[in-house]
């Protein structure tokens, strides 16, 4: 927060700070991977069928989202 406030105060007055986005994608993948690796098999077993239903609903939502996106892209073309 301190950096954000300082950058806002200095913006367009003294200096404009730009972030370098070269490593952004790599670091996002690394972060999401570490979150996924924190899931324990014991915890997944305790979830039982609820975990399976959550996986199914997420997979079907992903398919529907892709179909909707392709349909809108085709309609707006």
N, C-alpha and C. Protein backbone atom coordinates (compact mmCIF):
# COMPACT_ATOMS: atom_id res chain seq x y z
N UNK A 1 0.82 -1.19 0.00
CA UNK A 1 0.00 0.00 0.00
C UNK A 1 0.86 1.26 0.00
N UNK A 2 1.96 1.21 0.72
CA UNK A 2 2.84 2.39 0.79
C UNK A 2 3.37 2.71 -0.60
N UNK A 3 3.83 1.70 -1.33
CA UNK A 3 4.33 1.92 -2.69
C UNK A 3 3.24 2.48 -3.58
N UNK A 4 2.02 1.96 -3.48
CA UNK A 4 0.92 2.43 -4.32
C UNK A 4 0.61 3.89 -4.04
N UNK A 5 0.61 4.28 -2.79
CA UNK A 5 0.32 5.68 -2.44
C UNK A 5 1.44 6.59 -2.93
N UNK A 6 2.69 6.18 -2.75
CA UNK A 6 3.82 6.99 -3.22
C UNK A 6 3.78 7.12 -4.75
N UNK A 7 3.51 6.03 -5.44
CA UNK A 7 3.44 6.07 -6.90
C UNK A 7 2.31 6.97 -7.36
N UNK A 8 1.19 6.97 -6.65
CA UNK A 8 0.06 7.83 -7.00
C UNK A 8 0.40 9.30 -6.79
N UNK A 9 1.08 9.61 -5.70
CA UNK A 9 1.46 11.00 -5.41
C UNK A 9 2.46 11.52 -6.44
N UNK A 10 3.40 10.68 -6.84
CA UNK A 10 4.43 11.10 -7.79
C UNK A 10 3.97 11.10 -9.24
N UNK A 11 2.85 10.45 -9.52
CA UNK A 11 2.38 10.29 -10.89
C UNK A 11 2.06 11.64 -11.54
N UNK A 12 2.54 11.81 -12.74
CA UNK A 12 2.33 13.00 -13.56
C UNK A 12 2.87 14.29 -12.93
N UNK A 13 3.57 14.19 -11.83
CA UNK A 13 4.18 15.38 -11.22
C UNK A 13 5.70 15.32 -11.36
N UNK A 14 6.25 14.21 -10.88
CA UNK A 14 7.70 14.08 -10.87
C UNK A 14 8.18 12.91 -11.74
N UNK A 15 7.56 11.75 -11.54
CA UNK A 15 8.01 10.56 -12.25
C UNK A 15 6.83 9.61 -12.41
N UNK A 16 6.77 8.95 -13.57
CA UNK A 16 5.76 7.91 -13.80
C UNK A 16 6.46 6.56 -13.73
N UNK A 17 5.98 5.70 -12.86
CA UNK A 17 6.57 4.39 -12.67
C UNK A 17 5.80 3.37 -13.49
N UNK A 18 6.52 2.62 -14.30
CA UNK A 18 5.91 1.57 -15.11
C UNK A 18 6.43 0.22 -14.63
N UNK A 19 5.52 -0.74 -14.52
CA UNK A 19 5.90 -2.09 -14.10
C UNK A 19 6.36 -2.88 -15.31
N UNK A 20 7.38 -3.69 -15.11
CA UNK A 20 7.88 -4.59 -16.16
C UNK A 20 7.09 -5.89 -16.07
N UNK A 21 6.39 -6.27 -17.13
CA UNK A 21 5.48 -7.41 -17.10
C UNK A 21 6.07 -8.67 -17.73
N UNK A 22 7.38 -8.71 -17.87
CA UNK A 22 8.03 -9.84 -18.55
C UNK A 22 7.80 -11.14 -17.78
N UNK A 23 7.93 -11.12 -16.48
CA UNK A 23 7.82 -12.34 -15.68
C UNK A 23 6.42 -12.59 -15.13
N UNK A 24 5.46 -11.75 -15.46
CA UNK A 24 4.12 -11.86 -14.89
C UNK A 24 3.48 -13.22 -15.13
N UNK A 25 3.47 -13.69 -16.37
CA UNK A 25 2.81 -14.96 -16.68
C UNK A 25 3.49 -16.14 -15.99
N UNK A 26 4.81 -16.15 -16.00
CA UNK A 26 5.54 -17.23 -15.35
C UNK A 26 5.27 -17.25 -13.85
N UNK A 27 5.27 -16.09 -13.21
CA UNK A 27 5.03 -16.04 -11.78
C UNK A 27 3.58 -16.38 -11.42
N UNK A 28 2.63 -16.04 -12.29
CA UNK A 28 1.24 -16.43 -12.05
C UNK A 28 1.07 -17.94 -12.12
N UNK A 29 1.71 -18.58 -13.09
CA UNK A 29 1.65 -20.04 -13.19
C UNK A 29 2.30 -20.68 -11.97
N UNK A 30 3.43 -20.16 -11.54
CA UNK A 30 4.10 -20.70 -10.36
C UNK A 30 3.23 -20.56 -9.12
N UNK A 31 2.57 -19.43 -8.95
CA UNK A 31 1.71 -19.21 -7.79
C UNK A 31 0.54 -20.18 -7.80
N UNK A 32 -0.14 -20.31 -8.94
CA UNK A 32 -1.29 -21.21 -9.01
C UNK A 32 -0.88 -22.66 -8.82
N UNK A 33 0.31 -23.01 -9.30
CA UNK A 33 0.80 -24.38 -9.11
C UNK A 33 1.04 -24.67 -7.64
N UNK A 34 1.63 -23.73 -6.93
CA UNK A 34 1.87 -23.96 -5.50
C UNK A 34 0.56 -24.04 -4.73
N UNK A 35 -0.44 -23.30 -5.14
CA UNK A 35 -1.75 -23.41 -4.49
C UNK A 35 -2.33 -24.80 -4.74
N UNK A 36 -2.23 -25.29 -5.97
CA UNK A 36 -2.75 -26.61 -6.31
C UNK A 36 -2.00 -27.72 -5.59
N UNK A 37 -0.70 -27.55 -5.40
CA UNK A 37 0.09 -28.58 -4.73
C UNK A 37 -0.20 -28.65 -3.24
N UNK A 38 -0.83 -27.61 -2.69
CA UNK A 38 -1.14 -27.63 -1.26
C UNK A 38 -2.34 -28.50 -0.95
N UNK A 39 -3.09 -28.96 -1.96
CA UNK A 39 -4.23 -29.86 -1.74
C UNK A 39 -3.70 -31.25 -1.40
N UNK A 40 -4.17 -31.79 -0.32
CA UNK A 40 -3.74 -33.12 0.12
C UNK A 40 -4.74 -34.17 -0.35
N UNK A 41 -4.24 -35.37 -0.65
CA UNK A 41 -5.09 -36.47 -1.08
C UNK A 41 -6.08 -36.84 0.02
N UNK A 42 -5.64 -36.77 1.26
CA UNK A 42 -6.53 -37.06 2.40
C UNK A 42 -7.71 -36.09 2.42
N UNK A 43 -7.44 -34.83 2.16
CA UNK A 43 -8.50 -33.83 2.14
C UNK A 43 -9.47 -34.09 1.00
N UNK A 44 -8.96 -34.50 -0.16
CA UNK A 44 -9.83 -34.81 -1.29
C UNK A 44 -10.70 -36.03 -0.99
N UNK A 45 -10.14 -37.02 -0.30
CA UNK A 45 -10.93 -38.20 0.08
C UNK A 45 -12.03 -37.84 1.07
N UNK A 46 -11.74 -36.95 1.99
CA UNK A 46 -12.75 -36.52 2.97
C UNK A 46 -13.90 -35.79 2.28
N UNK A 47 -13.60 -35.08 1.21
CA UNK A 47 -14.64 -34.36 0.47
C UNK A 47 -15.59 -35.30 -0.24
N UNK A 48 -15.08 -36.45 -0.68
CA UNK A 48 -15.90 -37.48 -1.30
C UNK A 48 -16.61 -37.00 -2.56
N UNK A 49 -17.88 -37.32 -2.64
CA UNK A 49 -18.67 -37.00 -3.84
C UNK A 49 -18.87 -35.50 -4.03
N UNK A 50 -18.76 -34.74 -2.97
CA UNK A 50 -18.90 -33.29 -3.11
C UNK A 50 -17.77 -32.73 -3.98
N UNK A 51 -16.58 -33.29 -3.83
CA UNK A 51 -15.45 -32.85 -4.65
C UNK A 51 -15.67 -33.24 -6.11
N UNK A 52 -16.21 -34.44 -6.33
CA UNK A 52 -16.49 -34.89 -7.69
C UNK A 52 -17.54 -33.99 -8.34
N UNK A 53 -18.58 -33.66 -7.58
CA UNK A 53 -19.63 -32.77 -8.13
C UNK A 53 -19.07 -31.38 -8.42
N UNK A 54 -18.19 -30.90 -7.56
CA UNK A 54 -17.57 -29.59 -7.80
C UNK A 54 -16.72 -29.63 -9.07
N UNK A 55 -15.99 -30.70 -9.26
CA UNK A 55 -15.19 -30.86 -10.48
C UNK A 55 -16.09 -30.92 -11.71
N UNK A 56 -17.19 -31.65 -11.63
CA UNK A 56 -18.11 -31.74 -12.77
C UNK A 56 -18.75 -30.39 -13.08
N UNK A 57 -19.16 -29.67 -12.04
CA UNK A 57 -19.79 -28.37 -12.29
C UNK A 57 -18.79 -27.38 -12.87
N UNK A 58 -17.55 -27.42 -12.40
CA UNK A 58 -16.52 -26.54 -12.96
C UNK A 58 -16.21 -26.86 -14.41
N UNK A 59 -16.14 -28.15 -14.72
CA UNK A 59 -15.85 -28.56 -16.10
C UNK A 59 -16.99 -28.19 -17.03
N UNK A 60 -18.23 -28.39 -16.59
CA UNK A 60 -19.36 -28.03 -17.46
C UNK A 60 -19.48 -26.52 -17.61
N UNK A 61 -19.17 -25.77 -16.56
CA UNK A 61 -19.21 -24.31 -16.67
C UNK A 61 -18.14 -23.82 -17.64
N UNK A 62 -16.99 -24.48 -17.64
CA UNK A 62 -15.92 -24.10 -18.57
C UNK A 62 -16.35 -24.33 -20.01
N UNK A 63 -16.98 -25.47 -20.27
CA UNK A 63 -17.45 -25.77 -21.62
C UNK A 63 -18.51 -24.77 -22.05
N UNK A 64 -19.47 -24.48 -21.16
CA UNK A 64 -20.52 -23.51 -21.49
C UNK A 64 -19.95 -22.12 -21.74
N UNK A 65 -18.96 -21.73 -20.95
CA UNK A 65 -18.35 -20.42 -21.14
C UNK A 65 -17.66 -20.34 -22.50
N UNK A 66 -16.95 -21.40 -22.88
CA UNK A 66 -16.29 -21.41 -24.19
C UNK A 66 -17.30 -21.38 -25.33
N UNK A 67 -18.38 -22.15 -25.20
CA UNK A 67 -19.41 -22.13 -26.24
C UNK A 67 -20.07 -20.75 -26.35
N UNK A 68 -20.34 -20.14 -25.22
CA UNK A 68 -20.93 -18.80 -25.23
C UNK A 68 -19.98 -17.79 -25.87
N UNK A 69 -18.71 -17.87 -25.53
CA UNK A 69 -17.72 -16.96 -26.12
C UNK A 69 -17.60 -17.14 -27.62
N UNK A 70 -17.58 -18.39 -28.07
CA UNK A 70 -17.49 -18.63 -29.52
C UNK A 70 -18.75 -18.16 -30.23
N UNK A 71 -19.91 -18.37 -29.61
CA UNK A 71 -21.17 -17.93 -30.21
C UNK A 71 -21.24 -16.41 -30.31
N UNK A 72 -20.84 -15.72 -29.26
CA UNK A 72 -20.84 -14.24 -29.29
C UNK A 72 -19.83 -13.71 -30.30
N UNK A 73 -18.67 -14.34 -30.36
CA UNK A 73 -17.66 -13.89 -31.33
C UNK A 73 -18.17 -14.05 -32.76
N UNK A 74 -18.85 -15.15 -33.01
CA UNK A 74 -19.38 -15.38 -34.34
C UNK A 74 -20.53 -14.41 -34.66
N UNK A 75 -21.37 -14.15 -33.65
CA UNK A 75 -22.51 -13.24 -33.86
C UNK A 75 -22.05 -11.80 -34.07
N UNK A 76 -20.98 -11.40 -33.41
CA UNK A 76 -20.51 -10.01 -33.50
C UNK A 76 -19.52 -9.80 -34.63
N UNK A 77 -19.20 -10.83 -35.35
CA UNK A 77 -18.23 -10.73 -36.44
C UNK A 77 -18.82 -10.10 -37.62
